Amino acid sequence: MTDQEIIKGLIDRDNQVTQNFFFVKCRPLFYSVMRSVFDYEVEYDEMVNELYVYLMENEASKLRNFQYRSTLFQWLKVLAIRFFIKRRARMIEDCSQETPYDEQSPLTVSQADKVAELDLERLFEAMPTKRYVEVIRRLILEDCEPEVLAQEMNITTANLYNIKRRSMAQLIRIALNDIKEYGK
């Protein structure tokens, strides 16, 4: 099946297409995502069900907005990783006895998240172009759709991608300088 046929089948809620896509074709992809996002064992069916609900929200708007600029699998991998990173603490409860972090670490997960958030804010403050900060916040941290943000900013989506590239380059330069200054 082509990507277009799969998307159409998913939007139409075709059980055969849905089952084959999520539980056969995407199984290696989702296991890869699970290994990269979760530090503990998660249930495959639960993970797929959560992602499916997300994809089908708002009359399958995520699927309808897929623009075929990449393969469906590449797009889905990025979307799934972002989705599960943002929601892993709230949606999937770890019932195992193993700790998902290094016990020797003096910081708890929530403390480490707070420290990372403060570090990121400090780097944002150091960025001279505040428009770049806003693009990073909206596109990456808030997972805003590029088309929506481009419309809000009254620019083209292509221009938004250029701004995002420059934004990330500026953030990386500042972070590298920060490492040199404070990393010693």
N, C-alpha and C. Protein backbone atom coordinates (compact mmCIF):
# COMPACT_ATOMS: atom_id res chain seq x y z
N MET A 1 0.83 -1.19 0.00
CA MET A 1 0.00 0.00 0.00
C MET A 1 0.88 1.25 0.00
N THR A 2 0.39 2.27 -0.64
CA THR A 2 1.11 3.55 -0.65
C THR A 2 0.80 4.30 0.65
N ASP A 3 1.60 5.33 0.92
CA ASP A 3 1.36 6.16 2.09
C ASP A 3 -0.03 6.79 2.02
N GLN A 4 -0.43 7.24 0.84
CA GLN A 4 -1.75 7.86 0.67
C GLN A 4 -2.86 6.86 1.00
N GLU A 5 -2.72 5.62 0.56
CA GLU A 5 -3.74 4.60 0.83
C GLU A 5 -3.80 4.28 2.32
N ILE A 6 -2.65 4.23 2.96
CA ILE A 6 -2.62 3.95 4.40
C ILE A 6 -3.30 5.08 5.16
N ILE A 7 -2.94 6.32 4.84
CA ILE A 7 -3.54 7.48 5.51
C ILE A 7 -5.05 7.47 5.32
N LYS A 8 -5.50 7.23 4.10
CA LYS A 8 -6.94 7.19 3.81
C LYS A 8 -7.61 6.08 4.63
N GLY A 9 -7.00 4.91 4.69
CA GLY A 9 -7.56 3.81 5.46
C GLY A 9 -7.64 4.11 6.94
N LEU A 10 -6.61 4.77 7.47
CA LEU A 10 -6.62 5.14 8.89
C LEU A 10 -7.70 6.18 9.17
N ILE A 11 -7.80 7.19 8.31
CA ILE A 11 -8.81 8.23 8.49
C ILE A 11 -10.22 7.62 8.39
N ASP A 12 -10.39 6.69 7.46
CA ASP A 12 -11.70 6.03 7.29
C ASP A 12 -11.97 4.97 8.35
N ARG A 13 -11.00 4.77 9.25
CA ARG A 13 -11.10 3.79 10.35
C ARG A 13 -11.31 2.37 9.82
N ASP A 14 -10.60 2.06 8.76
CA ASP A 14 -10.62 0.71 8.19
C ASP A 14 -9.85 -0.22 9.13
N ASN A 15 -10.57 -1.17 9.75
CA ASN A 15 -9.95 -2.05 10.75
C ASN A 15 -8.77 -2.84 10.21
N GLN A 16 -8.89 -3.34 8.98
CA GLN A 16 -7.82 -4.16 8.41
C GLN A 16 -6.56 -3.31 8.19
N VAL A 17 -6.73 -2.12 7.64
CA VAL A 17 -5.58 -1.23 7.41
C VAL A 17 -4.96 -0.84 8.75
N THR A 18 -5.80 -0.49 9.71
CA THR A 18 -5.31 -0.06 11.02
C THR A 18 -4.53 -1.17 11.71
N GLN A 19 -5.11 -2.36 11.77
CA GLN A 19 -4.45 -3.50 12.40
C GLN A 19 -3.12 -3.82 11.72
N ASN A 20 -3.14 -3.91 10.41
CA ASN A 20 -1.93 -4.25 9.65
C ASN A 20 -0.86 -3.17 9.83
N PHE A 21 -1.26 -1.92 9.78
CA PHE A 21 -0.30 -0.83 9.88
C PHE A 21 0.34 -0.77 11.27
N PHE A 22 -0.48 -0.70 12.32
CA PHE A 22 0.05 -0.51 13.67
C PHE A 22 0.65 -1.77 14.28
N PHE A 23 0.11 -2.94 13.93
CA PHE A 23 0.54 -4.14 14.62
C PHE A 23 1.43 -5.06 13.79
N VAL A 24 1.64 -4.72 12.50
CA VAL A 24 2.54 -5.51 11.67
C VAL A 24 3.64 -4.61 11.11
N LYS A 25 3.25 -3.66 10.26
CA LYS A 25 4.25 -2.84 9.58
C LYS A 25 5.03 -1.94 10.52
N CYS A 26 4.37 -1.36 11.52
CA CYS A 26 5.03 -0.40 12.40
C CYS A 26 5.64 -1.04 13.65
N ARG A 27 5.47 -2.32 13.84
CA ARG A 27 5.97 -2.96 15.06
C ARG A 27 7.46 -2.69 15.29
N PRO A 28 8.35 -2.90 14.30
CA PRO A 28 9.78 -2.60 14.55
C PRO A 28 10.01 -1.11 14.85
N LEU A 29 9.30 -0.25 14.16
CA LEU A 29 9.42 1.19 14.39
C LEU A 29 9.04 1.54 15.82
N PHE A 30 7.91 1.04 16.28
CA PHE A 30 7.44 1.37 17.62
C PHE A 30 8.32 0.75 18.71
N TYR A 31 8.86 -0.43 18.47
CA TYR A 31 9.79 -0.99 19.45
C TYR A 31 11.04 -0.12 19.54
N SER A 32 11.48 0.41 18.42
CA SER A 32 12.62 1.33 18.42
C SER A 32 12.30 2.59 19.22
N VAL A 33 11.11 3.14 19.01
CA VAL A 33 10.68 4.32 19.75
C VAL A 33 10.61 4.01 21.24
N MET A 34 10.05 2.86 21.58
CA MET A 34 9.93 2.46 22.98
C MET A 34 11.30 2.39 23.65
N ARG A 35 12.27 1.80 22.96
CA ARG A 35 13.62 1.69 23.52
C ARG A 35 14.27 3.06 23.70
N SER A 36 14.01 3.98 22.78
CA SER A 36 14.68 5.28 22.86
C SER A 36 14.00 6.23 23.85
N VAL A 37 12.72 6.06 24.10
CA VAL A 37 11.99 7.00 24.96
C VAL A 37 11.86 6.51 26.40
N PHE A 38 11.61 5.23 26.58
CA PHE A 38 11.31 4.72 27.91
C PHE A 38 12.50 3.98 28.51
N ASP A 39 12.72 4.23 29.79
CA ASP A 39 13.78 3.55 30.53
C ASP A 39 13.27 2.28 31.19
N TYR A 40 12.04 1.95 30.97
CA TYR A 40 11.42 0.80 31.59
C TYR A 40 10.50 0.11 30.59
N GLU A 41 10.03 -1.04 30.96
CA GLU A 41 9.19 -1.85 30.08
C GLU A 41 7.81 -1.21 29.94
N VAL A 42 7.36 -1.06 28.72
CA VAL A 42 6.00 -0.55 28.47
C VAL A 42 5.24 -1.57 27.63
N GLU A 43 3.95 -1.53 27.75
CA GLU A 43 3.09 -2.44 27.02
C GLU A 43 2.91 -1.92 25.59
N TYR A 44 3.23 -2.76 24.60
CA TYR A 44 3.15 -2.35 23.19
C TYR A 44 1.73 -1.90 22.84
N ASP A 45 0.73 -2.71 23.20
CA ASP A 45 -0.65 -2.38 22.85
C ASP A 45 -1.09 -1.06 23.47
N GLU A 46 -0.69 -0.81 24.72
CA GLU A 46 -1.04 0.43 25.39
C GLU A 46 -0.42 1.63 24.68
N MET A 47 0.84 1.49 24.32
CA MET A 47 1.54 2.56 23.62
C MET A 47 0.87 2.87 22.28
N VAL A 48 0.56 1.83 21.51
CA VAL A 48 -0.08 2.03 20.21
C VAL A 48 -1.46 2.64 20.37
N ASN A 49 -2.21 2.18 21.37
CA ASN A 49 -3.55 2.74 21.59
C ASN A 49 -3.49 4.23 21.92
N GLU A 50 -2.53 4.63 22.77
CA GLU A 50 -2.38 6.05 23.11
C GLU A 50 -2.04 6.88 21.87
N LEU A 51 -1.14 6.37 21.06
CA LEU A 51 -0.75 7.08 19.84
C LEU A 51 -1.92 7.16 18.86
N TYR A 52 -2.66 6.07 18.73
CA TYR A 52 -3.80 6.03 17.82
C TYR A 52 -4.85 7.07 18.23
N VAL A 53 -5.15 7.14 19.52
CA VAL A 53 -6.11 8.14 20.00
C VAL A 53 -5.62 9.54 19.66
N TYR A 54 -4.34 9.80 19.86
CA TYR A 54 -3.76 11.10 19.54
C TYR A 54 -3.88 11.41 18.04
N LEU A 55 -3.58 10.43 17.20
CA LEU A 55 -3.67 10.64 15.75
C LEU A 55 -5.09 10.89 15.28
N MET A 56 -6.07 10.31 15.97
CA MET A 56 -7.45 10.40 15.53
C MET A 56 -8.20 11.58 16.17
N GLU A 57 -7.55 12.31 17.08
CA GLU A 57 -8.19 13.47 17.70
C GLU A 57 -8.55 14.51 16.64
N ASN A 58 -9.59 15.26 16.92
CA ASN A 58 -10.02 16.35 16.04
C ASN A 58 -10.21 15.88 14.61
N GLU A 59 -10.97 14.78 14.48
CA GLU A 59 -11.28 14.20 13.18
C GLU A 59 -10.01 13.87 12.39
N ALA A 60 -9.05 13.28 13.08
CA ALA A 60 -7.79 12.81 12.49
C ALA A 60 -6.99 13.96 11.87
N SER A 61 -6.98 15.09 12.54
CA SER A 61 -6.30 16.27 11.98
C SER A 61 -4.81 16.04 11.76
N LYS A 62 -4.15 15.30 12.64
CA LYS A 62 -2.71 15.02 12.45
C LYS A 62 -2.49 14.26 11.14
N LEU A 63 -3.31 13.25 10.92
CA LEU A 63 -3.16 12.46 9.68
C LEU A 63 -3.52 13.29 8.45
N ARG A 64 -4.56 14.08 8.57
CA ARG A 64 -4.99 14.92 7.43
C ARG A 64 -3.94 15.98 7.08
N ASN A 65 -3.15 16.40 8.07
CA ASN A 65 -2.13 17.43 7.84
C ASN A 65 -0.80 16.87 7.36
N PHE A 66 -0.68 15.54 7.27
CA PHE A 66 0.55 14.94 6.76
C PHE A 66 0.73 15.38 5.31
N GLN A 67 1.90 15.94 4.99
CA GLN A 67 2.10 16.58 3.69
C GLN A 67 2.95 15.77 2.72
N TYR A 68 3.31 14.54 3.07
CA TYR A 68 4.05 13.64 2.19
C TYR A 68 5.41 14.19 1.77
N ARG A 69 6.03 15.02 2.62
CA ARG A 69 7.38 15.52 2.34
C ARG A 69 8.43 14.50 2.75
N SER A 70 8.01 13.53 3.54
CA SER A 70 8.88 12.42 3.94
C SER A 70 8.02 11.17 3.84
N THR A 71 8.63 10.04 4.16
CA THR A 71 7.81 8.83 4.16
C THR A 71 6.90 8.86 5.38
N LEU A 72 5.84 8.12 5.32
CA LEU A 72 4.90 8.04 6.44
C LEU A 72 5.62 7.52 7.68
N PHE A 73 6.52 6.56 7.51
CA PHE A 73 7.24 5.99 8.65
C PHE A 73 8.17 7.01 9.30
N GLN A 74 8.86 7.81 8.50
CA GLN A 74 9.74 8.84 9.07
C GLN A 74 8.93 9.86 9.86
N TRP A 75 7.85 10.30 9.27
CA TRP A 75 6.97 11.28 9.93
C TRP A 75 6.42 10.71 11.22
N LEU A 76 5.94 9.46 11.17
CA LEU A 76 5.34 8.83 12.33
C LEU A 76 6.37 8.61 13.44
N LYS A 77 7.61 8.31 13.08
CA LYS A 77 8.64 8.11 14.10
C LYS A 77 8.90 9.41 14.86
N VAL A 78 9.04 10.51 14.15
CA VAL A 78 9.28 11.80 14.80
C VAL A 78 8.08 12.18 15.66
N LEU A 79 6.89 12.03 15.11
CA LEU A 79 5.67 12.36 15.84
C LEU A 79 5.55 11.50 17.10
N ALA A 80 5.80 10.20 16.98
CA ALA A 80 5.66 9.29 18.11
C ALA A 80 6.69 9.61 19.20
N ILE A 81 7.92 9.87 18.82
CA ILE A 81 8.95 10.20 19.82
C ILE A 81 8.57 11.46 20.58
N ARG A 82 8.16 12.51 19.86
CA ARG A 82 7.76 13.75 20.52
C ARG A 82 6.56 13.51 21.44
N PHE A 83 5.58 12.77 20.94
CA PHE A 83 4.37 12.50 21.70
C PHE A 83 4.70 11.78 23.00
N PHE A 84 5.50 10.73 22.93
CA PHE A 84 5.78 9.94 24.13
C PHE A 84 6.75 10.62 25.08
N ILE A 85 7.66 11.41 24.57
CA ILE A 85 8.55 12.15 25.48
C ILE A 85 7.74 13.14 26.31
N LYS A 86 6.80 13.84 25.69
CA LYS A 86 5.99 14.82 26.40
C LYS A 86 5.03 14.18 27.39
N ARG A 87 4.58 12.99 27.08
CA ARG A 87 3.51 12.40 27.89
C ARG A 87 3.93 11.19 28.72
N ARG A 88 5.19 10.81 28.66
CA ARG A 88 5.59 9.56 29.32
C ARG A 88 5.34 9.56 30.82
N ALA A 89 5.51 10.66 31.49
CA ALA A 89 5.32 10.69 32.94
C ALA A 89 3.84 10.62 33.32
N ARG A 90 2.96 11.12 32.46
CA ARG A 90 1.55 11.17 32.80
C ARG A 90 0.76 9.97 32.33
N MET A 91 1.15 9.36 31.21
CA MET A 91 0.26 8.39 30.60
C MET A 91 0.58 6.94 30.87
N ILE A 92 1.81 6.58 31.07
CA ILE A 92 2.15 5.17 31.24
C ILE A 92 2.80 5.00 32.59
N GLU A 93 2.11 4.28 33.44
CA GLU A 93 2.61 4.09 34.79
C GLU A 93 3.56 2.91 34.83
N ASP A 94 4.67 3.09 35.45
CA ASP A 94 5.66 2.03 35.58
C ASP A 94 5.37 1.23 36.85
N CYS A 95 5.03 -0.02 36.67
CA CYS A 95 4.72 -0.89 37.81
C CYS A 95 5.92 -1.75 38.19
N SER A 96 7.02 -1.61 37.49
CA SER A 96 8.18 -2.46 37.78
C SER A 96 8.88 -1.99 39.03
N GLN A 97 9.75 -2.83 39.56
CA GLN A 97 10.51 -2.50 40.75
C GLN A 97 11.81 -1.79 40.40
N GLU A 98 12.16 -1.76 39.12
CA GLU A 98 13.41 -1.14 38.71
C GLU A 98 13.24 0.37 38.59
N THR A 99 14.24 1.08 38.99
CA THR A 99 14.20 2.53 38.90
C THR A 99 14.61 2.97 37.50
N PRO A 100 13.91 3.95 36.91
CA PRO A 100 14.24 4.37 35.55
C PRO A 100 15.40 5.36 35.47
N TYR A 101 16.09 5.61 36.56
CA TYR A 101 17.22 6.53 36.55
C TYR A 101 18.35 5.94 37.38
N ASP A 102 19.49 6.53 37.28
CA ASP A 102 20.66 6.08 38.02
C ASP A 102 20.49 6.44 39.50
N GLU A 103 20.50 5.42 40.37
CA GLU A 103 20.27 5.65 41.79
C GLU A 103 21.38 6.48 42.43
N GLN A 104 22.53 6.56 41.81
CA GLN A 104 23.63 7.32 42.40
C GLN A 104 23.48 8.82 42.13
N SER A 105 22.57 9.17 41.25
CA SER A 105 22.37 10.57 40.90
C SER A 105 21.76 11.32 42.08
N PRO A 106 22.30 12.47 42.44
CA PRO A 106 21.76 13.21 43.59
C PRO A 106 20.44 13.90 43.28
N LEU A 107 20.09 14.04 42.01
CA LEU A 107 18.87 14.74 41.64
C LEU A 107 17.75 13.75 41.32
N THR A 108 16.54 14.08 41.73
CA THR A 108 15.40 13.27 41.31
C THR A 108 15.05 13.68 39.89
N VAL A 109 14.19 12.91 39.25
CA VAL A 109 13.81 13.22 37.88
C VAL A 109 13.17 14.59 37.79
N SER A 110 12.29 14.93 38.71
CA SER A 110 11.64 16.23 38.66
C SER A 110 12.63 17.37 38.90
N GLN A 111 13.60 17.15 39.79
CA GLN A 111 14.63 18.17 40.02
C GLN A 111 15.49 18.34 38.77
N ALA A 112 15.85 17.24 38.13
CA ALA A 112 16.66 17.31 36.91
C ALA A 112 15.91 18.04 35.81
N ASP A 113 14.60 17.77 35.70
CA ASP A 113 13.79 18.48 34.71
C ASP A 113 13.77 19.98 34.99
N LYS A 114 13.66 20.34 36.25
CA LYS A 114 13.62 21.76 36.63
C LYS A 114 14.96 22.43 36.33
N VAL A 115 16.05 21.74 36.62
CA VAL A 115 17.38 22.28 36.33
C VAL A 115 17.54 22.48 34.81
N ALA A 116 17.10 21.50 34.03
CA ALA A 116 17.20 21.60 32.57
C ALA A 116 16.35 22.76 32.07
N GLU A 117 15.18 22.93 32.65
CA GLU A 117 14.30 24.03 32.25
C GLU A 117 14.94 25.38 32.55
N LEU A 118 15.56 25.50 33.71
CA LEU A 118 16.24 26.74 34.08
C LEU A 118 17.44 27.00 33.17
N ASP A 119 18.19 25.95 32.85
CA ASP A 119 19.32 26.09 31.93
C ASP A 119 18.85 26.58 30.56
N LEU A 120 17.76 26.00 30.08
CA LEU A 120 17.23 26.40 28.78
C LEU A 120 16.77 27.85 28.81
N GLU A 121 16.11 28.26 29.89
CA GLU A 121 15.68 29.66 30.00
C GLU A 121 16.88 30.61 30.01
N ARG A 122 17.95 30.20 30.68
CA ARG A 122 19.17 31.02 30.71
C ARG A 122 19.75 31.16 29.30
N LEU A 123 19.74 30.06 28.55
CA LEU A 123 20.24 30.11 27.18
C LEU A 123 19.34 30.99 26.31
N PHE A 124 18.02 30.89 26.52
CA PHE A 124 17.09 31.73 25.77
C PHE A 124 17.34 33.21 26.06
N GLU A 125 17.61 33.54 27.33
CA GLU A 125 17.90 34.93 27.70
C GLU A 125 19.15 35.44 26.99
N ALA A 126 20.10 34.56 26.72
CA ALA A 126 21.35 34.95 26.07
C ALA A 126 21.18 35.11 24.56
N MET A 127 20.09 34.63 24.02
CA MET A 127 19.88 34.73 22.57
C MET A 127 19.48 36.17 22.22
N PRO A 128 20.21 36.80 21.28
CA PRO A 128 19.90 38.19 20.95
C PRO A 128 18.60 38.36 20.15
N THR A 129 18.17 37.33 19.44
CA THR A 129 16.98 37.45 18.60
C THR A 129 15.81 36.76 19.29
N LYS A 130 14.93 37.55 19.87
CA LYS A 130 13.81 37.00 20.65
C LYS A 130 12.79 36.30 19.75
N ARG A 131 12.76 36.66 18.50
CA ARG A 131 11.87 35.97 17.56
C ARG A 131 12.31 34.51 17.42
N TYR A 132 13.60 34.29 17.45
CA TYR A 132 14.13 32.93 17.38
C TYR A 132 13.70 32.11 18.60
N VAL A 133 13.72 32.75 19.76
CA VAL A 133 13.30 32.08 20.99
C VAL A 133 11.84 31.66 20.86
N GLU A 134 11.02 32.56 20.37
CA GLU A 134 9.59 32.27 20.21
C GLU A 134 9.36 31.11 19.25
N VAL A 135 10.10 31.06 18.16
CA VAL A 135 9.96 29.96 17.20
C VAL A 135 10.35 28.63 17.85
N ILE A 136 11.44 28.61 18.59
CA ILE A 136 11.86 27.37 19.26
C ILE A 136 10.81 26.95 20.29
N ARG A 137 10.34 27.90 21.09
CA ARG A 137 9.31 27.59 22.08
C ARG A 137 8.08 26.97 21.45
N ARG A 138 7.57 27.63 20.43
CA ARG A 138 6.30 27.19 19.84
C ARG A 138 6.44 25.91 19.04
N LEU A 139 7.47 25.82 18.18
CA LEU A 139 7.59 24.64 17.32
C LEU A 139 8.10 23.41 18.06
N ILE A 140 9.07 23.58 18.90
CA ILE A 140 9.72 22.42 19.51
C ILE A 140 9.16 22.11 20.89
N LEU A 141 9.08 23.10 21.75
CA LEU A 141 8.64 22.83 23.12
C LEU A 141 7.13 22.66 23.22
N GLU A 142 6.38 23.45 22.48
CA GLU A 142 4.92 23.36 22.55
C GLU A 142 4.33 22.50 21.44
N ASP A 143 5.16 22.03 20.49
CA ASP A 143 4.73 21.17 19.40
C ASP A 143 3.62 21.78 18.56
N CYS A 144 3.73 23.08 18.32
CA CYS A 144 2.76 23.79 17.50
C CYS A 144 2.95 23.35 16.04
N GLU A 145 1.87 23.23 15.33
CA GLU A 145 1.96 22.88 13.91
C GLU A 145 2.63 24.02 13.16
N PRO A 146 3.59 23.72 12.28
CA PRO A 146 4.28 24.78 11.54
C PRO A 146 3.35 25.68 10.75
N GLU A 147 2.33 25.09 10.15
CA GLU A 147 1.39 25.88 9.35
C GLU A 147 0.65 26.90 10.21
N VAL A 148 0.28 26.49 11.41
CA VAL A 148 -0.44 27.37 12.33
C VAL A 148 0.46 28.52 12.77
N LEU A 149 1.69 28.21 13.16
CA LEU A 149 2.62 29.24 13.61
C LEU A 149 2.97 30.20 12.47
N ALA A 150 3.18 29.65 11.29
CA ALA A 150 3.48 30.51 10.13
C ALA A 150 2.35 31.50 9.88
N GLN A 151 1.13 31.01 9.99
CA GLN A 151 -0.03 31.88 9.78
C GLN A 151 -0.10 32.95 10.87
N GLU A 152 0.16 32.56 12.13
CA GLU A 152 0.15 33.52 13.24
C GLU A 152 1.22 34.60 13.04
N MET A 153 2.38 34.17 12.51
CA MET A 153 3.48 35.11 12.31
C MET A 153 3.38 35.86 10.99
N ASN A 154 2.36 35.49 10.20
CA ASN A 154 2.12 36.12 8.90
C ASN A 154 3.31 35.94 7.95
N ILE A 155 3.83 34.69 7.93
CA ILE A 155 4.92 34.33 7.03
C ILE A 155 4.59 33.00 6.37
N THR A 156 5.37 32.61 5.38
CA THR A 156 5.15 31.31 4.75
C THR A 156 5.76 30.21 5.60
N THR A 157 5.28 29.01 5.40
CA THR A 157 5.81 27.86 6.14
C THR A 157 7.28 27.65 5.79
N ALA A 158 7.62 27.84 4.52
CA ALA A 158 9.02 27.68 4.10
C ALA A 158 9.92 28.68 4.85
N ASN A 159 9.45 29.91 4.98
CA ASN A 159 10.21 30.92 5.70
C ASN A 159 10.33 30.54 7.18
N LEU A 160 9.27 29.98 7.74
CA LEU A 160 9.31 29.54 9.13
C LEU A 160 10.38 28.47 9.33
N TYR A 161 10.49 27.54 8.40
CA TYR A 161 11.53 26.51 8.52
C TYR A 161 12.93 27.12 8.45
N ASN A 162 13.09 28.16 7.64
CA ASN A 162 14.39 28.85 7.59
C ASN A 162 14.68 29.54 8.93
N ILE A 163 13.65 30.17 9.50
CA ILE A 163 13.82 30.83 10.79
C ILE A 163 14.15 29.79 11.86
N LYS A 164 13.48 28.65 11.81
CA LYS A 164 13.75 27.59 12.78
C LYS A 164 15.20 27.12 12.68
N ARG A 165 15.69 26.94 11.45
CA ARG A 165 17.08 26.50 11.24
C ARG A 165 18.04 27.52 11.83
N ARG A 166 17.80 28.81 11.56
CA ARG A 166 18.67 29.85 12.10
C ARG A 166 18.55 29.94 13.63
N SER A 167 17.34 29.74 14.13
CA SER A 167 17.11 29.76 15.58
C SER A 167 17.92 28.68 16.27
N MET A 168 17.85 27.49 15.74
CA MET A 168 18.57 26.36 16.34
C MET A 168 20.08 26.58 16.24
N ALA A 169 20.54 27.14 15.13
CA ALA A 169 21.97 27.41 14.97
C ALA A 169 22.43 28.42 16.02
N GLN A 170 21.61 29.46 16.25
CA GLN A 170 21.97 30.46 17.25
C GLN A 170 21.97 29.85 18.66
N LEU A 171 20.97 29.03 18.96
CA LEU A 171 20.90 28.38 20.27
C LEU A 171 22.11 27.46 20.49
N ILE A 172 22.49 26.73 19.46
CA ILE A 172 23.64 25.83 19.57
C ILE A 172 24.92 26.62 19.82
N ARG A 173 25.10 27.73 19.09
CA ARG A 173 26.29 28.56 19.30
C ARG A 173 26.35 29.07 20.74
N ILE A 174 25.22 29.52 21.25
CA ILE A 174 25.18 30.05 22.62
C ILE A 174 25.44 28.93 23.63
N ALA A 175 24.86 27.76 23.38
CA ALA A 175 25.07 26.62 24.29
C ALA A 175 26.53 26.19 24.29
N LEU A 176 27.16 26.17 23.12
CA LEU A 176 28.58 25.79 23.05
C LEU A 176 29.45 26.81 23.77
N ASN A 177 29.14 28.09 23.63
CA ASN A 177 29.88 29.12 24.38
C ASN A 177 29.63 28.97 25.85
N ASP A 178 28.42 28.62 26.22
CA ASP A 178 28.08 28.42 27.64
C ASP A 178 28.88 27.25 28.21
N ILE A 179 29.03 26.21 27.45
CA ILE A 179 29.82 25.05 27.90
C ILE A 179 31.26 25.46 28.14
N LYS A 180 31.79 26.25 27.20
CA LYS A 180 33.19 26.70 27.35
C LYS A 180 33.34 27.54 28.61
N GLU A 181 32.34 28.42 28.87
CA GLU A 181 32.44 29.33 29.98
C GLU A 181 32.20 28.66 31.33
N TYR A 182 31.17 27.81 31.39
CA TYR A 182 30.78 27.22 32.68
C TYR A 182 31.19 25.78 32.84
N GLY A 183 31.62 25.16 31.79
CA GLY A 183 31.93 23.73 31.83
C GLY A 183 33.26 23.39 32.49
N LYS A 184 34.03 24.37 32.83
CA LYS A 184 35.36 24.12 33.38
C LYS A 184 35.32 23.83 34.86
